[in-house]
Amino acid sequence: MIKRGFRAGFWRRAGLCLAGPGMVLCAGMGAQAQYGTASLPDAPASLATLAANAPDPPQPTRSIRPNELPGRLPDKPSLAPVFTFPVEPLGFSAPGALYLGQRNSLVSLDFLDENSLLFSFRVPGLIRREGVDSDGNEERQIRALVLALPSGAVTAEALWTVHDRARYLWMLKDGHFLLRDRDSLERGDATLQLKPFLRFPGPLVWLEMDPEHKFLVADSREPAEEAAQTGVTPSPETTSADIEAGGQKQAFAPPEMAVRILSRETGKVMLMSRIHSTVHLPINSDGYLESLRGRGAGWLLNLKYFSGGSTILGQVDSSCSPQLDFLSTREVLVTGCSSTGDGRLSALATNGRHLWEDRTSDRTVWPLLVMGPDGLRLAREALAVGRAVSARAPLDRDEIKGQLVQVLDAADGKVALETTASPILDAGGNVAISPSGRRVAVLNAGAIQVFELPAPPPLPLPDSASKPLQ
């Protein structure tokens, strides 16, 4: 069975607790980290008490009529591309079918600005014969090219070495990017020259940022004994308590992951915790967002401020634990499930207003989101299959028909572009949105296709504001 690696979790203020099946894990407070001190407020009441005593969430100001997103692959793009240039002359070759289902990051396609693309991809012919270095890491070579639009001419190129198959590149808003390898982040620009940026006490395995790119959320693998050497306060005894199994005592393994929220400009740690696995943590410049189970299928969205305190933004219905993402500082996208098996995308403003809702077909699986830098557009790409997939009816590789790309306007959830992407890359990296939101680049049919879209509509005004949401 092919199964998406879903990252989920919720945080509490006492050292940023995380809940998992049958346990709650918390890191010690006031932890001293390599990049600074994490000073955390006092612990709140339990989540159950918080949810029960929370004020009624803001109600929608109008009835929301869901948009229906089709689950079939289009015969051709809904708009014709304005620029197209082949990728084979650039040295790119499509990965074999054996990679499908492994979620390896093989490509990264990104806009440096409106008129230049950064296209990077693994180079199979340059991989070492052993495939594994002396430290047990999988070494691979990544070729990086800067392409000028509309000609596709190469203006800079480089060869990078990385040591795993996970995502390696994140774009910043100022034409720079971050390159991850092992325990280090390097910063680069359109010249492809790299400079050291941050180094962690252990291998960096997950990274994400807030919409304004002020903060980083970084998960690094740091066994407890190594963390103690770097001055990190150990986790409470409850995370390593003994349990009875078969008449013999067994102990929970101490968490080997450290998660930090850092200032991107200074590298200073704002919050830190120790966890057992990587998590997806939605943050904006004000705080981090969690979902609290309410009544029935209802989930409360609780924004917890870095400065202390929290606000219930609203409530959404979902039959599964929803995934939360900030499209912009003032808009949240909730990816949930309906009781009929279809998916559900709900957009809320941080003032509690429900903006729109999309229903997604049960014929699309493994959805990935690509956010536009200005927050006005997003791309949803998913694998198109011929039938509904469930635990009782798992997906077979041969049943995957292709990869569907839908570019949505953040203001109303309507489709601005629909096309396909090929080869199928189940870890993404084959779709990019320009800083203005007016250009979209897609790796498809042996070429990079660049589409020109109308200007995205502005986000609607909140009920008590004099300017659009940003």
Protein backbone atom coordinates (compact mmCIF):
# COMPACT_ATOMS: atom_id res chain seq x y z
CA MET A 1 0.00 0.00 0.00
CA ILE A 2 1.28 3.41 -0.95
CA LYS A 3 0.64 5.82 1.89
CA ARG A 4 1.37 9.50 2.20
CA GLY A 5 3.73 10.46 5.03
CA PHE A 6 1.42 12.88 6.86
CA ARG A 7 2.95 15.22 9.40
CA ALA A 8 0.57 16.35 12.12
CA GLY A 9 0.60 17.42 15.72
CA PHE A 10 -0.50 20.12 18.09
CA TRP A 11 1.46 22.31 20.43
CA ARG A 12 0.95 23.47 24.00
CA ARG A 13 2.70 26.33 25.66
CA ALA A 14 4.56 24.34 28.37
CA GLY A 15 7.71 23.73 26.38
CA LEU A 16 5.64 23.20 23.23
CA CYS A 17 3.96 19.88 23.99
CA LEU A 18 3.02 17.51 21.20
CA ALA A 19 0.28 14.91 21.31
CA GLY A 20 0.63 11.51 19.72
CA PRO A 21 -1.31 8.27 19.93
CA GLY A 22 -1.69 7.47 23.61
CA MET A 23 0.83 9.97 24.95
CA VAL A 24 1.65 13.63 25.42
CA LEU A 25 5.27 14.72 25.19
CA CYS A 26 6.66 17.97 26.54
CA ALA A 27 10.11 19.49 26.57
CA GLY A 28 11.54 21.28 29.57
CA MET A 29 11.03 25.01 29.88
CA GLY A 30 13.71 27.62 29.52
CA ALA A 31 15.83 25.33 27.32
CA GLN A 32 19.23 26.67 26.40
CA ALA A 33 19.87 26.08 22.70
CA GLN A 34 22.86 26.57 20.44
CA TYR A 35 21.34 29.68 18.86
CA GLY A 36 19.82 31.34 21.92
CA THR A 37 17.47 30.85 24.84
CA ALA A 38 13.91 29.58 24.50
CA SER A 39 11.86 31.24 27.24
CA LEU A 40 8.37 29.72 27.38
CA PRO A 41 5.28 30.89 29.28
CA ASP A 42 3.46 28.87 31.92
CA ALA A 43 1.40 25.86 30.87
CA PRO A 44 -2.31 26.41 30.12
CA ALA A 45 -5.15 24.16 31.19
CA SER A 46 -5.54 20.79 29.49
CA LEU A 47 -6.68 20.75 25.87
CA ALA A 48 -9.97 19.16 26.83
CA THR A 49 -10.65 21.95 29.32
CA LEU A 50 -9.52 24.57 26.84
CA ALA A 51 -11.82 23.25 24.14
CA ALA A 52 -14.78 22.93 26.53
CA ASN A 53 -14.37 26.43 27.94
CA ALA A 54 -13.43 28.18 24.70
CA PRO A 55 -15.75 30.96 23.59
CA ASP A 56 -18.03 30.27 20.65
CA PRO A 57 -15.96 30.63 17.48
CA PRO A 58 -16.75 33.43 15.05
CA GLN A 59 -19.55 32.44 12.72
CA PRO A 60 -19.45 32.80 8.93
CA THR A 61 -20.72 36.15 7.74
CA ARG A 62 -22.30 34.62 4.65
CA SER A 63 -23.34 31.26 3.24
CA ILE A 64 -20.48 29.45 1.52
CA ARG A 65 -21.28 27.60 -1.70
CA PRO A 66 -18.51 25.05 -2.25
CA ASN A 67 -16.57 24.96 -5.50
CA GLU A 68 -16.20 21.50 -7.03
CA LEU A 69 -12.64 20.69 -8.11
CA PRO A 70 -12.61 18.02 -10.84
CA GLY A 71 -10.60 14.86 -10.31
CA ARG A 72 -9.99 13.96 -13.94
CA LEU A 73 -6.89 14.77 -15.95
CA PRO A 74 -7.53 17.46 -18.59
CA ASP A 75 -6.84 16.65 -22.24
CA LYS A 76 -4.91 19.91 -22.50
CA PRO A 77 -4.10 22.87 -20.24
CA SER A 78 -6.95 25.30 -19.62
CA LEU A 79 -4.59 28.03 -20.86
CA ALA A 80 -1.89 27.70 -23.49
CA PRO A 81 1.68 28.24 -22.19
CA VAL A 82 3.37 31.43 -23.35
CA PHE A 83 6.90 30.01 -23.08
CA THR A 84 8.03 26.41 -23.53
CA PHE A 85 11.57 25.07 -23.62
CA PRO A 86 12.74 21.43 -23.55
CA VAL A 87 14.62 20.07 -20.55
CA GLU A 88 16.55 17.23 -22.17
CA PRO A 89 19.19 19.63 -23.57
CA LEU A 90 19.63 20.87 -19.99
CA GLY A 91 20.69 17.39 -18.89
CA PHE A 92 17.39 16.38 -17.26
CA SER A 93 16.11 12.83 -17.69
CA ALA A 94 12.86 11.52 -16.27
CA PRO A 95 13.28 9.26 -13.21
CA GLY A 96 12.25 5.63 -13.55
CA ALA A 97 8.91 4.27 -12.38
CA LEU A 98 10.62 2.56 -9.44
CA TYR A 99 10.81 5.95 -7.65
CA LEU A 100 7.01 6.32 -7.61
CA GLY A 101 5.78 5.86 -4.06
CA GLN A 102 9.13 6.54 -2.40
CA ARG A 103 8.48 10.30 -2.02
CA ASN A 104 12.02 11.19 -3.04
CA SER A 105 12.72 14.84 -3.83
CA LEU A 106 14.19 14.66 -7.32
CA VAL A 107 13.48 18.13 -8.75
CA SER A 108 13.02 21.70 -7.56
CA LEU A 109 11.53 24.29 -9.95
CA ASP A 110 11.40 27.84 -8.51
CA PHE A 111 11.05 31.47 -9.59
CA LEU A 112 13.97 33.67 -8.54
CA ASP A 113 12.01 36.65 -9.89
CA GLU A 114 9.42 37.26 -12.62
CA ASN A 115 11.95 36.69 -15.41
CA SER A 116 14.22 33.93 -14.15
CA LEU A 117 13.77 30.34 -13.00
CA LEU A 118 15.95 28.14 -10.83
CA PHE A 119 15.75 24.57 -12.11
CA SER A 120 17.63 21.90 -10.13
CA PHE A 121 17.51 18.13 -10.44
CA ARG A 122 19.42 15.01 -9.51
CA VAL A 123 22.00 13.76 -12.01
CA PRO A 124 21.89 9.92 -11.99
CA GLY A 125 25.10 9.47 -13.95
CA LEU A 126 27.15 11.25 -11.29
CA ILE A 127 26.01 9.18 -8.31
CA ARG A 128 28.81 7.18 -6.71
CA ARG A 129 28.74 3.47 -7.44
CA GLU A 130 28.30 2.53 -3.78
CA GLY A 131 25.40 4.98 -3.37
CA VAL A 132 26.22 5.34 0.33
CA ASP A 133 29.07 7.32 1.88
CA SER A 134 31.18 6.33 4.87
CA ASP A 135 28.63 7.84 7.29
CA GLY A 136 25.81 5.74 5.89
CA ASN A 137 24.26 8.66 3.96
CA GLU A 138 23.00 8.44 0.39
CA GLU A 139 25.14 10.84 -1.57
CA ARG A 140 23.76 12.33 -4.78
CA GLN A 141 24.59 15.13 -7.15
CA ILE A 142 22.17 17.98 -7.93
CA ARG A 143 22.60 20.09 -11.05
CA ALA A 144 21.32 23.66 -10.68
CA LEU A 145 20.58 26.02 -13.57
CA VAL A 146 19.30 29.60 -13.70
CA LEU A 147 17.11 30.06 -16.79
CA ALA A 148 16.22 33.45 -18.27
CA LEU A 149 12.67 34.01 -19.51
CA PRO A 150 11.38 33.89 -22.16
CA SER A 151 14.35 32.32 -23.97
CA GLY A 152 15.26 29.65 -21.44
CA ALA A 153 18.94 30.55 -21.79
CA VAL A 154 21.22 29.34 -18.99
CA THR A 155 22.73 32.29 -17.10
CA ALA A 156 24.36 30.37 -14.23
CA GLU A 157 24.97 26.74 -13.32
CA ALA A 158 26.39 24.73 -10.42
CA LEU A 159 26.72 21.19 -9.12
CA TRP A 160 25.73 20.50 -5.51
CA THR A 161 26.25 17.40 -3.37
CA VAL A 162 23.57 16.37 -0.87
CA HIS A 163 23.36 13.29 1.32
CA ASP A 164 19.74 12.15 1.45
CA ARG A 165 16.65 12.06 -0.75
CA ALA A 166 14.48 14.58 1.07
CA ARG A 167 13.69 18.14 0.03
CA TYR A 168 16.85 20.18 -0.31
CA LEU A 169 15.82 23.69 -1.46
CA TRP A 170 13.52 26.46 -0.18
CA MET A 171 13.00 29.80 -1.95
CA LEU A 172 13.05 33.10 -0.09
CA LYS A 173 11.18 36.23 -1.13
CA ASP A 174 14.22 38.35 -2.01
CA GLY A 175 15.59 36.22 -4.83
CA HIS A 176 17.67 34.11 -2.46
CA PHE A 177 17.21 30.47 -1.51
CA LEU A 178 18.24 28.06 1.27
CA LEU A 179 20.03 24.81 0.45
CA ARG A 180 19.92 22.01 3.05
CA ASP A 181 22.50 19.27 3.47
CA ARG A 182 23.14 17.23 6.62
CA ASP A 183 23.26 19.64 9.57
CA SER A 184 23.72 22.82 7.54
CA LEU A 185 21.77 25.47 5.67
CA GLU A 186 23.50 27.55 3.03
CA ARG A 187 22.15 30.71 1.41
CA GLY A 188 22.39 31.31 -2.34
CA ASP A 189 21.24 33.74 -5.04
CA ALA A 190 20.95 33.99 -8.83
CA THR A 191 24.72 33.54 -9.21
CA LEU A 192 24.38 30.14 -7.45
CA GLN A 193 27.16 31.12 -5.08
CA LEU A 194 26.54 29.61 -1.64
CA LYS A 195 27.37 31.08 1.77
CA PRO A 196 27.03 29.39 5.18
CA PHE A 197 23.80 30.37 6.91
CA LEU A 198 22.96 28.10 9.90
CA ARG A 199 24.38 24.93 11.38
CA PHE A 200 22.49 22.64 13.74
CA PRO A 201 23.70 20.20 16.41
CA GLY A 202 22.40 17.28 14.32
CA PRO A 203 21.12 16.45 10.81
CA LEU A 204 18.36 18.79 9.67
CA VAL A 205 15.41 16.72 8.46
CA TRP A 206 12.54 19.22 8.06
CA LEU A 207 12.21 22.94 7.42
CA GLU A 208 9.36 25.36 6.86
CA MET A 209 8.71 29.10 7.15
CA ASP A 210 5.96 31.57 7.89
CA PRO A 211 4.39 33.39 4.89
CA GLU A 212 6.58 36.47 5.40
CA HIS A 213 9.73 34.37 5.84
CA LYS A 214 10.56 36.00 9.17
CA PHE A 215 10.81 32.69 11.03
CA LEU A 216 12.07 29.18 10.41
CA VAL A 217 10.69 25.96 11.88
CA ALA A 218 13.53 23.45 11.90
CA ASP A 219 13.47 19.78 12.96
CA SER A 220 16.88 18.21 13.53
CA ARG A 221 17.86 14.74 14.70
CA GLU A 222 19.69 15.10 18.01
CA PRO A 223 19.85 12.06 20.34
CA ALA A 224 19.27 12.95 23.98
CA GLU A 225 22.86 12.41 25.05
CA GLU A 226 24.13 14.76 22.34
CA ALA A 227 21.49 17.34 23.20
CA ALA A 228 22.68 17.31 26.82
CA GLN A 229 26.18 18.18 25.66
CA THR A 230 24.86 21.27 23.85
CA GLY A 231 23.10 22.55 26.98
CA VAL A 232 19.54 21.56 26.06
CA THR A 233 17.37 20.85 29.08
CA PRO A 234 16.26 17.18 29.01
CA SER A 235 12.62 16.21 28.55
CA PRO A 236 10.46 15.41 31.60
CA GLU A 237 10.65 11.94 33.11
CA THR A 238 7.20 11.14 31.70
CA THR A 239 8.69 10.84 28.21
CA SER A 240 10.91 7.96 29.31
CA ALA A 241 8.60 6.25 31.81
CA ASP A 242 8.61 2.48 32.21
CA ILE A 243 5.68 0.38 30.96
CA GLU A 244 4.70 -3.24 31.53
CA ALA A 245 4.68 -5.49 28.45
CA GLY A 246 4.50 -9.26 28.73
CA GLY A 247 5.41 -9.13 32.42
CA GLN A 248 8.62 -7.23 31.72
CA LYS A 249 9.33 -3.55 32.07
CA GLN A 250 10.11 -1.62 28.92
CA ALA A 251 11.01 2.03 28.59
CA PHE A 252 9.92 4.59 26.05
CA ALA A 253 12.84 5.68 23.93
CA PRO A 254 13.75 9.31 24.63
CA PRO A 255 12.85 11.69 21.79
CA GLU A 256 15.64 12.05 19.27
CA MET A 257 14.28 15.06 17.40
CA ALA A 258 14.59 18.73 18.35
CA VAL A 259 12.24 21.30 16.86
CA ARG A 260 13.04 25.01 16.97
CA ILE A 261 11.35 28.20 15.89
CA LEU A 262 14.10 30.64 14.92
CA SER A 263 14.32 34.18 13.67
CA ARG A 264 15.56 33.93 10.07
CA GLU A 265 17.39 37.23 10.29
CA THR A 266 19.31 36.60 13.52
CA GLY A 267 19.19 32.81 13.99
CA LYS A 268 17.94 33.34 17.56
CA VAL A 269 15.78 30.52 18.96
CA MET A 270 12.33 31.67 20.08
CA LEU A 271 10.87 28.30 21.09
CA MET A 272 12.26 24.77 21.31
CA SER A 273 11.02 21.28 22.16
CA ARG A 274 12.08 17.66 21.87
CA ILE A 275 9.82 15.30 19.91
CA HIS A 276 9.77 11.76 18.53
CA SER A 277 9.15 12.58 14.85
CA THR A 278 8.93 15.52 12.50
CA VAL A 279 5.81 17.68 12.59
CA HIS A 280 4.14 20.23 10.37
CA LEU A 281 3.77 23.47 12.34
CA PRO A 282 1.78 26.29 10.70
CA ILE A 283 3.05 29.69 11.86
CA ASN A 284 2.65 33.31 10.86
CA SER A 285 4.42 36.37 12.20
CA ASP A 286 2.13 36.40 15.27
CA GLY A 287 2.19 32.81 16.49
CA TYR A 288 1.43 29.17 15.70
CA LEU A 289 -1.85 27.49 14.88
CA GLU A 290 -3.35 24.34 16.37
CA SER A 291 -6.58 22.42 15.84
CA LEU A 292 -8.61 21.38 18.91
CA ARG A 293 -11.29 18.71 18.72
CA GLY A 294 -14.71 20.21 19.31
CA ARG A 295 -18.16 18.69 19.21
CA GLY A 296 -18.90 16.03 16.62
CA ALA A 297 -16.86 16.63 13.47
CA GLY A 298 -16.03 20.19 14.52
CA TRP A 299 -12.46 21.43 15.00
CA LEU A 300 -11.52 24.72 16.65
CA LEU A 301 -8.62 26.67 15.13
CA ASN A 302 -6.61 28.22 17.95
CA LEU A 303 -3.90 30.80 17.22
CA LYS A 304 -1.34 30.92 20.06
CA TYR A 305 0.69 34.12 20.09
CA PHE A 306 4.45 34.17 20.56
CA SER A 307 3.88 37.01 23.01
CA GLY A 308 1.42 34.92 25.09
CA GLY A 309 -2.31 34.29 25.00
CA SER A 310 -4.40 32.78 22.23
CA THR A 311 -7.45 33.41 20.05
CA ILE A 312 -10.02 31.01 18.60
CA LEU A 313 -10.12 31.94 14.89
CA GLY A 314 -13.08 29.80 13.94
CA GLN A 315 -14.39 26.29 13.49
CA VAL A 316 -14.36 23.85 10.57
CA ASP A 317 -15.94 20.44 10.10
CA SER A 318 -13.77 17.49 9.14
CA SER A 319 -14.10 13.75 9.64
CA CYS A 320 -10.29 13.48 9.89
CA SER A 321 -7.68 15.53 11.70
CA PRO A 322 -7.30 18.61 9.47
CA GLN A 323 -4.02 19.94 8.13
CA LEU A 324 -3.52 23.69 8.57
CA ASP A 325 -1.44 26.01 6.39
CA PHE A 326 -1.07 29.78 6.27
CA LEU A 327 -1.55 31.04 2.72
CA SER A 328 -0.61 34.49 3.95
CA THR A 329 -0.30 36.14 7.34
CA ARG A 330 -4.05 36.75 7.34
CA GLU A 331 -5.47 33.66 5.60
CA VAL A 332 -5.51 30.01 6.70
CA LEU A 333 -6.17 27.01 4.48
CA VAL A 334 -7.68 23.94 6.16
CA THR A 335 -7.38 20.59 4.36
CA GLY A 336 -9.91 18.17 5.77
CA CYS A 337 -12.20 15.27 4.90
CA SER A 338 -15.93 14.92 4.34
CA SER A 339 -17.98 12.00 5.62
CA THR A 340 -18.51 10.83 2.02
CA GLY A 341 -14.79 10.35 1.37
CA ASP A 342 -14.16 13.49 -0.64
CA GLY A 343 -11.62 16.06 0.46
CA ARG A 344 -12.44 19.57 1.64
CA LEU A 345 -10.45 22.80 1.38
CA SER A 346 -11.67 25.64 3.61
CA ALA A 347 -10.17 29.12 3.72
CA LEU A 348 -10.58 31.39 6.73
CA ALA A 349 -9.31 34.88 7.48
CA THR A 350 -7.62 35.34 10.83
CA ASN A 351 -10.52 37.59 11.85
CA GLY A 352 -12.73 34.48 11.75
CA ARG A 353 -14.43 35.09 8.43
CA HIS A 354 -14.98 32.03 6.22
CA LEU A 355 -13.81 32.98 2.73
CA TRP A 356 -14.48 29.93 0.56
CA GLU A 357 -14.68 26.16 0.41
CA ASP A 358 -13.63 23.68 -2.28
CA ARG A 359 -14.55 20.04 -2.50
CA THR A 360 -11.88 17.75 -3.95
CA SER A 361 -12.52 14.44 -5.65
CA ASP A 362 -11.77 11.08 -4.02
CA ARG A 363 -10.08 10.27 -7.35
CA THR A 364 -7.13 12.49 -6.40
CA VAL A 365 -4.65 11.35 -3.74
CA TRP A 366 -1.42 12.53 -2.13
CA PRO A 367 -2.19 16.25 -2.54
CA LEU A 368 0.68 18.74 -2.29
CA LEU A 369 0.39 22.52 -1.89
CA VAL A 370 2.60 25.16 -3.49
CA MET A 371 2.05 28.64 -2.05
CA GLY A 372 2.50 31.80 -4.10
CA PRO A 373 5.02 34.20 -2.53
CA ASP A 374 2.40 36.98 -2.21
CA GLY A 375 -0.28 34.65 -0.82
CA LEU A 376 -2.78 35.43 -3.60
CA ARG A 377 -2.47 32.12 -5.44
CA LEU A 378 -1.71 28.53 -4.57
CA ALA A 379 -1.25 25.35 -6.58
CA ARG A 380 -2.67 22.00 -5.57
CA GLU A 381 -1.15 19.00 -7.28
CA ALA A 382 -2.31 15.44 -6.71
CA LEU A 383 -2.10 12.01 -8.26
CA ALA A 384 -5.13 11.13 -10.39
CA VAL A 385 -6.41 7.57 -9.90
CA GLY A 386 -9.30 5.63 -11.36
CA ARG A 387 -11.14 4.80 -8.13
CA ALA A 388 -11.49 5.75 -4.51
CA VAL A 389 -8.57 4.60 -2.33
CA SER A 390 -8.93 3.42 1.27
CA ALA A 391 -7.27 1.17 3.83
CA ARG A 392 -9.39 -1.69 2.57
CA ALA A 393 -8.67 -0.87 -1.08
CA PRO A 394 -5.03 0.26 -1.21
CA LEU A 395 -3.47 1.95 -4.19
CA ASP A 396 -1.47 0.01 -6.73
CA ARG A 397 1.20 1.86 -8.68
CA ASP A 398 -0.36 0.81 -12.00
CA GLU A 399 -3.61 2.57 -11.08
CA ILE A 400 -2.01 6.02 -11.06
CA LYS A 401 -3.12 7.82 -14.23
CA GLY A 402 -1.07 11.00 -13.94
CA GLN A 403 -0.44 14.14 -11.88
CA LEU A 404 -3.06 16.88 -11.86
CA VAL A 405 -2.16 20.53 -11.20
CA GLN A 406 -4.81 23.10 -10.24
CA VAL A 407 -3.85 26.72 -9.54
CA LEU A 408 -6.39 28.42 -7.26
CA ASP A 409 -7.08 32.05 -6.43
CA ALA A 410 -6.71 32.53 -2.67
CA ALA A 411 -9.55 35.08 -2.64
CA ASP A 412 -12.32 32.70 -3.74
CA GLY A 413 -10.84 29.22 -4.31
CA LYS A 414 -11.66 29.25 -8.03
CA VAL A 415 -9.40 27.50 -10.54
CA ALA A 416 -7.20 29.91 -12.52
CA LEU A 417 -5.26 27.16 -14.34
CA GLU A 418 -5.63 23.42 -14.75
CA THR A 419 -2.98 21.26 -16.38
CA THR A 420 -0.93 18.11 -15.91
CA ALA A 421 2.65 17.53 -14.77
CA SER A 422 4.94 14.81 -16.03
CA PRO A 423 6.94 12.86 -15.15
CA ILE A 424 4.95 12.11 -12.00
CA LEU A 425 6.89 13.42 -9.00
CA ASP A 426 5.07 12.39 -5.83
CA ALA A 427 7.30 14.63 -3.66
CA GLY A 428 6.53 17.67 -5.82
CA GLY A 429 9.05 20.28 -6.90
CA ASN A 430 7.63 20.44 -10.42
CA VAL A 431 5.35 23.50 -10.03
CA ALA A 432 6.30 27.11 -9.24
CA ILE A 433 4.39 30.40 -8.86
CA SER A 434 6.08 33.73 -9.59
CA PRO A 435 6.31 36.55 -7.00
CA SER A 436 3.41 38.42 -8.64
CA GLY A 437 1.24 35.31 -8.90
CA ARG A 438 0.78 35.94 -12.62
CA ARG A 439 3.19 33.32 -13.92
CA VAL A 440 3.14 29.59 -13.24
CA ALA A 441 5.87 27.19 -14.37
CA VAL A 442 5.19 23.45 -14.70
CA LEU A 443 7.52 20.61 -15.65
CA ASN A 444 5.45 18.68 -18.18
CA ALA A 445 5.90 16.51 -21.27
CA GLY A 446 9.66 16.92 -21.51
CA ALA A 447 9.59 20.70 -21.17
CA ILE A 448 9.19 23.57 -18.74
CA GLN A 449 5.91 25.30 -19.61
CA VAL A 450 5.34 28.85 -18.36
CA PHE A 451 1.75 30.12 -18.20
CA GLU A 452 0.66 33.75 -18.03
CA LEU A 453 -2.42 34.30 -15.83
CA PRO A 454 -4.57 37.39 -15.21
CA ALA A 455 -3.77 39.36 -12.08
CA PRO A 456 -5.11 37.48 -9.04
CA PRO A 457 -8.11 39.03 -7.30
CA PRO A 458 -7.41 40.74 -3.96
CA LEU A 459 -8.45 39.07 -0.77
CA PRO A 460 -11.84 40.30 0.47
CA LEU A 461 -12.04 43.00 3.10
CA PRO A 462 -12.58 41.84 6.69
CA ASP A 463 -15.76 43.13 8.29
CA SER A 464 -13.99 45.82 10.31
CA ALA A 465 -10.99 46.91 8.24
CA SER A 466 -10.25 49.66 5.75
CA LYS A 467 -7.79 47.77 3.55
CA PRO A 468 -7.53 44.27 2.04
CA LEU A 469 -5.94 41.40 3.94
CA GLN A 470 -2.27 40.92 3.18
